[in-house]
């Protein structure tokens, strides 16, 4: 008989727990579910001191010259509540059909989306960031009538990973690629006219990467997203979704980011990455509490020897 390792057993237990949580959230009143999400965020605020310090540090760098320390503390606390709401929304949106999506989401910029999808040879980089309700954007992709490619890191838990990456359903048209070893193929797909969804605000390598101005402070940017747009000869269409009320959202498409490449590769990567981050900053200023401030964007935490 094949032995089941303790690690695999624990992974399966966590997966079953996720299924139980999903079932509970589906049967309780929706306002209770969102209340649970806010409570979950508050528990994380109390429990994870390191993440709490990271959020306050990031908000201080971004808004310290404009806002008071009390505002920063309140916004940091609300960002944890937002995190809890994201967890609840992850489970709920798996069961929303197209009619439910249409009822909950107010769309803006459909003209930009329609223009981007006109027949042509260019691929499309669908650009978003860790702001607002990016899971809602991901879940609504299958109702927009196009297929897309997505870069994602698989979870170590194989059962939970399959559960997470099937959130849009088998008919979603989303093809998932790992972070490593996929650059060449994805650039080829863009050149062939396909679409690539990008979370472009991920932190870059401070030692070997490029820096952009972000809230008035240099920040390391991951240049791979600019490389996709440049080398893939693709059009860049931003998409931003944020919460306007519990269970209600606003999704904005465009306007298209115009890219004008030159013969200087490094300068092009910096310029395009800067264009992306200027947009990300605009989004965060709409609702700072809906930003994903949990990873240190500007500088790493100093580690003790």
Protein backbone atom coordinates (compact mmCIF):
# COMPACT_ATOMS: atom_id res chain seq x y z
CA UNK A 1 0.00 0.00 0.00
CA UNK A 2 1.31 3.44 -0.91
CA UNK A 3 2.13 5.54 2.13
CA UNK A 4 0.65 9.02 2.38
CA UNK A 5 3.08 11.58 3.77
CA UNK A 6 2.09 13.86 6.62
CA UNK A 7 2.72 16.89 4.42
CA UNK A 8 0.38 15.64 1.72
CA UNK A 9 -2.26 14.86 4.33
CA UNK A 10 -2.01 18.39 5.75
CA UNK A 11 -2.22 19.86 2.25
CA UNK A 12 -5.42 17.93 1.63
CA UNK A 13 -6.82 19.00 5.00
CA UNK A 14 -6.21 22.67 4.12
CA UNK A 15 -7.93 22.10 0.77
CA UNK A 16 -10.95 20.58 2.51
CA UNK A 17 -11.02 23.52 4.91
CA UNK A 18 -11.13 25.90 1.93
CA UNK A 19 -14.10 23.97 0.54
CA UNK A 20 -15.90 24.20 3.89
CA UNK A 21 -15.27 27.95 4.08
CA UNK A 22 -16.60 28.38 0.54
CA UNK A 23 -19.74 26.41 1.37
CA UNK A 24 -20.38 28.46 4.53
CA UNK A 25 -19.90 31.76 2.69
CA UNK A 26 -22.37 30.67 0.02
CA UNK A 27 -25.19 29.93 2.47
CA UNK A 28 -24.89 32.79 4.96
CA UNK A 29 -26.26 36.27 4.14
CA UNK A 30 -23.88 38.27 1.99
CA UNK A 31 -23.47 41.06 4.54
CA UNK A 32 -22.39 38.43 7.08
CA UNK A 33 -19.80 37.16 4.60
CA UNK A 34 -18.35 40.63 4.13
CA UNK A 35 -18.42 41.15 7.90
CA UNK A 36 -16.40 37.95 8.26
CA UNK A 37 -13.93 39.29 5.69
CA UNK A 38 -13.38 42.50 7.63
CA UNK A 39 -12.97 40.50 10.85
CA UNK A 40 -10.43 38.26 9.14
CA UNK A 41 -8.46 41.33 8.06
CA UNK A 42 -8.45 42.67 11.62
CA UNK A 43 -7.14 39.36 12.93
CA UNK A 44 -4.30 39.49 10.41
CA UNK A 45 -3.60 43.11 11.45
CA UNK A 46 -3.17 41.99 15.06
CA UNK A 47 -1.30 38.77 14.28
CA UNK A 48 1.28 39.75 11.66
CA UNK A 49 3.43 42.52 13.10
CA UNK A 50 5.95 42.35 10.25
CA UNK A 51 3.26 42.88 7.59
CA UNK A 52 1.70 45.66 9.65
CA UNK A 53 5.06 47.44 9.79
CA UNK A 54 5.56 46.95 6.03
CA UNK A 55 2.18 48.51 5.22
CA UNK A 56 2.80 51.51 7.46
CA UNK A 57 6.28 51.95 5.98
CA UNK A 58 4.99 51.84 2.40
CA UNK A 59 2.17 54.28 3.12
CA UNK A 60 4.59 56.62 4.88
CA UNK A 61 6.91 56.64 1.86
CA UNK A 62 3.99 57.18 -0.53
CA UNK A 63 1.90 59.68 1.44
CA UNK A 64 4.07 60.84 4.34
CA UNK A 65 4.57 64.26 2.80
CA UNK A 66 0.83 64.74 2.21
CA UNK A 67 -1.02 62.95 5.01
CA UNK A 68 -0.87 62.81 8.80
CA UNK A 69 0.39 59.82 10.76
CA UNK A 70 -3.19 59.22 11.98
CA UNK A 71 -4.40 59.01 8.36
CA UNK A 72 -1.61 56.54 7.58
CA UNK A 73 -2.55 54.35 10.56
CA UNK A 74 -6.25 54.38 9.61
CA UNK A 75 -5.50 53.60 5.97
CA UNK A 76 -3.14 50.79 6.96
CA UNK A 77 -5.86 49.25 9.14
CA UNK A 78 -8.44 49.56 6.35
CA UNK A 79 -6.03 47.90 3.90
CA UNK A 80 -6.06 44.80 6.12
CA UNK A 81 -9.85 44.83 6.10
CA UNK A 82 -9.65 45.11 2.31
CA UNK A 83 -7.40 42.02 2.29
CA UNK A 84 -10.01 40.08 4.24
CA UNK A 85 -12.72 41.19 1.81
CA UNK A 86 -10.57 39.98 -1.09
CA UNK A 87 -10.46 36.53 0.49
CA UNK A 88 -14.25 36.43 0.79
CA UNK A 89 -14.71 37.75 -2.77
CA UNK A 90 -12.40 35.04 -4.07
CA UNK A 91 -14.88 32.40 -2.90
CA UNK A 92 -18.02 34.30 -3.88
CA UNK A 93 -17.07 35.25 -7.43
CA UNK A 94 -16.53 31.61 -8.37
CA UNK A 95 -20.32 31.30 -8.40
CA UNK A 96 -21.28 34.52 -10.20
CA UNK A 97 -22.57 34.15 -13.73
CA UNK A 98 -22.51 36.81 -16.43
CA UNK A 99 -25.79 38.36 -15.32
CA UNK A 100 -24.55 38.62 -11.75
CA UNK A 101 -21.29 40.21 -12.91
CA UNK A 102 -23.21 42.76 -14.97
CA UNK A 103 -25.40 43.62 -11.99
CA UNK A 104 -22.46 44.17 -9.66
CA UNK A 105 -19.93 45.89 -11.93
CA UNK A 106 -20.18 49.34 -13.50
CA UNK A 107 -18.02 49.36 -16.65
CA UNK A 108 -16.24 52.42 -18.02
CA UNK A 109 -14.09 52.74 -21.13
CA UNK A 110 -15.81 50.11 -23.26
CA UNK A 111 -14.83 52.16 -26.33
CA UNK A 112 -11.15 51.64 -25.53
CA UNK A 113 -11.76 47.91 -25.09
CA UNK A 114 -13.64 47.66 -28.38
CA UNK A 115 -10.92 49.54 -30.26
CA UNK A 116 -8.23 47.31 -28.77
CA UNK A 117 -10.11 44.19 -29.86
CA UNK A 118 -10.56 45.30 -33.47
CA UNK A 119 -9.07 42.82 -35.95
CA UNK A 120 -5.34 43.37 -36.33
CA UNK A 121 -1.95 41.73 -36.04
CA UNK A 122 -0.95 43.25 -32.67
CA UNK A 123 -1.18 41.35 -29.44
CA UNK A 124 -2.62 43.02 -26.35
CA UNK A 125 -1.05 43.41 -22.91
CA UNK A 126 -3.94 43.70 -20.47
CA UNK A 127 -2.26 45.73 -17.74
CA UNK A 128 -3.40 45.78 -14.14
CA UNK A 129 -1.86 45.93 -10.66
CA UNK A 130 -2.37 44.73 -7.10
CA UNK A 131 -4.92 47.46 -6.52
CA UNK A 132 -8.59 47.10 -5.79
CA UNK A 133 -10.34 43.86 -6.70
CA UNK A 134 -8.07 42.32 -9.29
CA UNK A 135 -9.69 38.92 -8.64
CA UNK A 136 -12.98 40.34 -9.90
CA UNK A 137 -11.22 41.49 -13.07
CA UNK A 138 -9.74 38.01 -13.53
CA UNK A 139 -13.09 36.30 -13.03
CA UNK A 140 -14.88 38.60 -15.48
CA UNK A 141 -12.42 37.95 -18.32
CA UNK A 142 -14.33 34.93 -19.59
CA UNK A 143 -17.43 37.08 -20.15
CA UNK A 144 -15.56 39.56 -22.38
CA UNK A 145 -15.39 37.19 -25.33
CA UNK A 146 -11.63 36.72 -25.62
CA UNK A 147 -8.96 34.28 -24.53
CA UNK A 148 -5.91 35.40 -22.62
CA UNK A 149 -2.64 34.20 -21.12
CA UNK A 150 -1.71 34.73 -17.49
CA UNK A 151 1.56 34.54 -15.55
CA UNK A 152 1.08 33.00 -12.09
CA UNK A 153 3.07 31.22 -9.41
CA UNK A 154 1.63 27.84 -8.50
CA UNK A 155 1.06 27.16 -4.80
CA UNK A 156 3.09 24.51 -2.99
CA UNK A 157 -0.15 22.83 -1.93
CA UNK A 158 -1.16 20.90 -5.10
CA UNK A 159 -4.83 20.55 -4.10
CA UNK A 160 -5.20 24.22 -3.16
CA UNK A 161 -3.29 25.29 -6.26
CA UNK A 162 -5.72 23.47 -8.54
CA UNK A 163 -8.62 24.97 -6.59
CA UNK A 164 -7.25 28.52 -6.87
CA UNK A 165 -6.35 28.41 -10.55
CA UNK A 166 -9.68 26.92 -11.57
CA UNK A 167 -11.54 29.93 -10.15
CA UNK A 168 -12.60 31.15 -13.58
CA UNK A 169 -13.81 27.72 -14.66
CA UNK A 170 -12.58 25.34 -17.36
CA UNK A 171 -14.29 27.45 -20.03
CA UNK A 172 -12.53 30.66 -19.00
CA UNK A 173 -10.12 30.69 -21.93
CA UNK A 174 -7.29 31.57 -19.54
CA UNK A 175 -3.97 29.76 -20.10
CA UNK A 176 -1.64 29.95 -17.09
CA UNK A 177 2.15 30.10 -17.39
CA UNK A 178 4.83 29.96 -14.66
CA UNK A 179 7.05 33.00 -13.95
CA UNK A 180 10.21 31.23 -15.06
CA UNK A 181 10.92 29.84 -18.51
CA UNK A 182 7.88 31.35 -20.24
CA UNK A 183 9.14 34.72 -21.50
CA UNK A 184 10.09 33.62 -25.01
CA UNK A 185 6.83 31.74 -25.59
CA UNK A 186 4.66 34.58 -24.27
CA UNK A 187 6.44 37.12 -26.47
CA UNK A 188 5.78 34.81 -29.42
CA UNK A 189 2.11 34.59 -28.49
CA UNK A 190 1.86 38.38 -28.34
CA UNK A 191 3.44 38.68 -31.77
CA UNK A 192 0.85 36.18 -32.99
CA UNK A 193 -1.93 38.51 -31.82
CA UNK A 194 -2.82 36.91 -28.48
CA UNK A 195 -3.49 38.62 -25.15
CA UNK A 196 -1.40 38.60 -21.98
CA UNK A 197 -2.74 39.73 -18.58
CA UNK A 198 -0.03 41.37 -16.44
CA UNK A 199 0.15 42.42 -12.78
CA UNK A 200 2.78 44.98 -13.63
CA UNK A 201 3.49 46.53 -10.21
CA UNK A 202 5.62 43.66 -8.93
CA UNK A 203 8.87 44.64 -7.27
CA UNK A 204 12.05 44.43 -9.33
CA UNK A 205 15.59 43.44 -8.41
CA UNK A 206 17.16 46.38 -6.60
CA UNK A 207 20.67 45.15 -7.48
CA UNK A 208 20.30 44.42 -11.19
CA UNK A 209 16.97 45.92 -12.21
CA UNK A 210 15.72 49.36 -13.19
CA UNK A 211 14.24 52.13 -11.05
CA UNK A 212 11.21 54.32 -11.66
CA UNK A 213 9.75 57.33 -9.90
CA UNK A 214 6.88 56.10 -7.74
CA UNK A 215 5.13 58.56 -5.42
CA UNK A 216 8.20 60.79 -5.75
CA UNK A 217 10.65 58.10 -4.57
CA UNK A 218 12.79 55.78 -6.75
CA UNK A 219 11.43 52.21 -6.65
CA UNK A 220 12.82 49.05 -8.29
CA UNK A 221 10.53 47.94 -11.11
CA UNK A 222 10.28 44.52 -12.72
CA UNK A 223 11.20 45.34 -16.30
CA UNK A 224 9.83 42.06 -17.69
CA UNK A 225 6.38 43.61 -18.14
CA UNK A 226 7.78 46.45 -20.25
CA UNK A 227 9.77 43.85 -22.17
CA UNK A 228 6.60 41.93 -23.01
CA UNK A 229 5.02 45.06 -24.47
CA UNK A 230 8.15 46.11 -26.37
CA UNK A 231 9.45 42.78 -27.68
CA UNK A 232 5.93 41.44 -28.22
CA UNK A 233 5.12 44.57 -30.27
CA UNK A 234 1.85 44.69 -28.37
CA UNK A 235 -0.74 47.32 -27.52
CA UNK A 236 -1.16 48.04 -23.81
CA UNK A 237 -4.70 48.31 -22.47
CA UNK A 238 -5.04 49.06 -18.72
CA UNK A 239 -7.83 47.51 -16.66
CA UNK A 240 -8.66 48.61 -13.13
CA UNK A 241 -11.38 47.25 -10.83
CA UNK A 242 -12.05 48.60 -7.34
CA UNK A 243 -14.80 48.28 -4.76
CA UNK A 244 -17.36 51.08 -4.51
CA UNK A 245 -19.45 49.29 -1.85
CA UNK A 246 -19.61 45.74 -0.48
CA UNK A 247 -20.36 43.58 -3.49
CA UNK A 248 -20.31 46.51 -5.93
CA UNK A 249 -17.40 47.41 -8.22
CA UNK A 250 -16.23 49.75 -10.94
CA UNK A 251 -14.10 48.48 -13.82
CA UNK A 252 -12.30 50.94 -16.07
CA UNK A 253 -10.64 50.02 -19.37
CA UNK A 254 -8.00 52.24 -20.94
CA UNK A 255 -7.07 54.63 -22.20
CA UNK A 256 -4.47 52.72 -24.18
CA UNK A 257 -0.85 53.39 -23.18
CA UNK A 258 1.06 54.51 -26.27
CA UNK A 259 4.57 53.06 -26.54
CA UNK A 260 7.20 54.57 -28.83
CA UNK A 261 10.32 52.36 -28.85
CA UNK A 262 13.79 53.63 -29.75
CA UNK A 263 17.17 51.98 -30.34
CA UNK A 264 18.08 52.26 -26.64
CA UNK A 265 16.73 49.10 -24.97
CA UNK A 266 17.46 50.13 -21.38
CA UNK A 267 15.97 53.59 -21.84
CA UNK A 268 12.86 52.04 -23.40
CA UNK A 269 12.41 49.64 -20.50
CA UNK A 270 12.71 52.50 -18.00
CA UNK A 271 10.33 54.74 -19.94
CA UNK A 272 7.62 52.10 -20.39
CA UNK A 273 7.93 50.90 -16.78
CA UNK A 274 7.59 54.53 -15.69
CA UNK A 275 4.43 54.90 -17.79
CA UNK A 276 3.00 51.84 -16.06
CA UNK A 277 3.84 53.08 -12.57
CA UNK A 278 2.42 56.55 -13.20
CA UNK A 279 -0.89 54.83 -13.91
CA UNK A 280 -0.59 52.57 -10.84
CA UNK A 281 -0.05 55.65 -8.68
CA UNK A 282 -3.17 57.31 -10.13
CA UNK A 283 -5.21 54.23 -9.25
CA UNK A 284 -3.90 54.06 -5.69
CA UNK A 285 -4.81 57.68 -5.10
CA UNK A 286 -8.46 56.83 -5.87
CA UNK A 287 -8.72 54.48 -2.87
CA UNK A 288 -5.40 54.07 -1.01
CA UNK A 289 -6.97 51.61 1.43
CA UNK A 290 -7.53 49.20 -1.47
CA UNK A 291 -3.82 49.01 -2.27
CA UNK A 292 -1.79 45.86 -1.68
CA UNK A 293 0.83 47.47 0.54
CA UNK A 294 1.97 44.27 2.24
CA UNK A 295 5.23 43.76 0.31
CA UNK A 296 7.97 46.33 0.70
CA UNK A 297 7.98 48.07 -2.67
CA UNK A 298 10.79 50.55 -2.11
CA UNK A 299 13.27 48.72 0.11
CA UNK A 300 13.75 45.32 1.66
CA UNK A 301 13.67 44.79 5.40
CA UNK A 302 17.15 44.72 6.90
CA UNK A 303 17.87 41.26 8.23
CA UNK A 304 19.91 40.60 11.32
CA UNK A 305 23.00 38.43 11.03
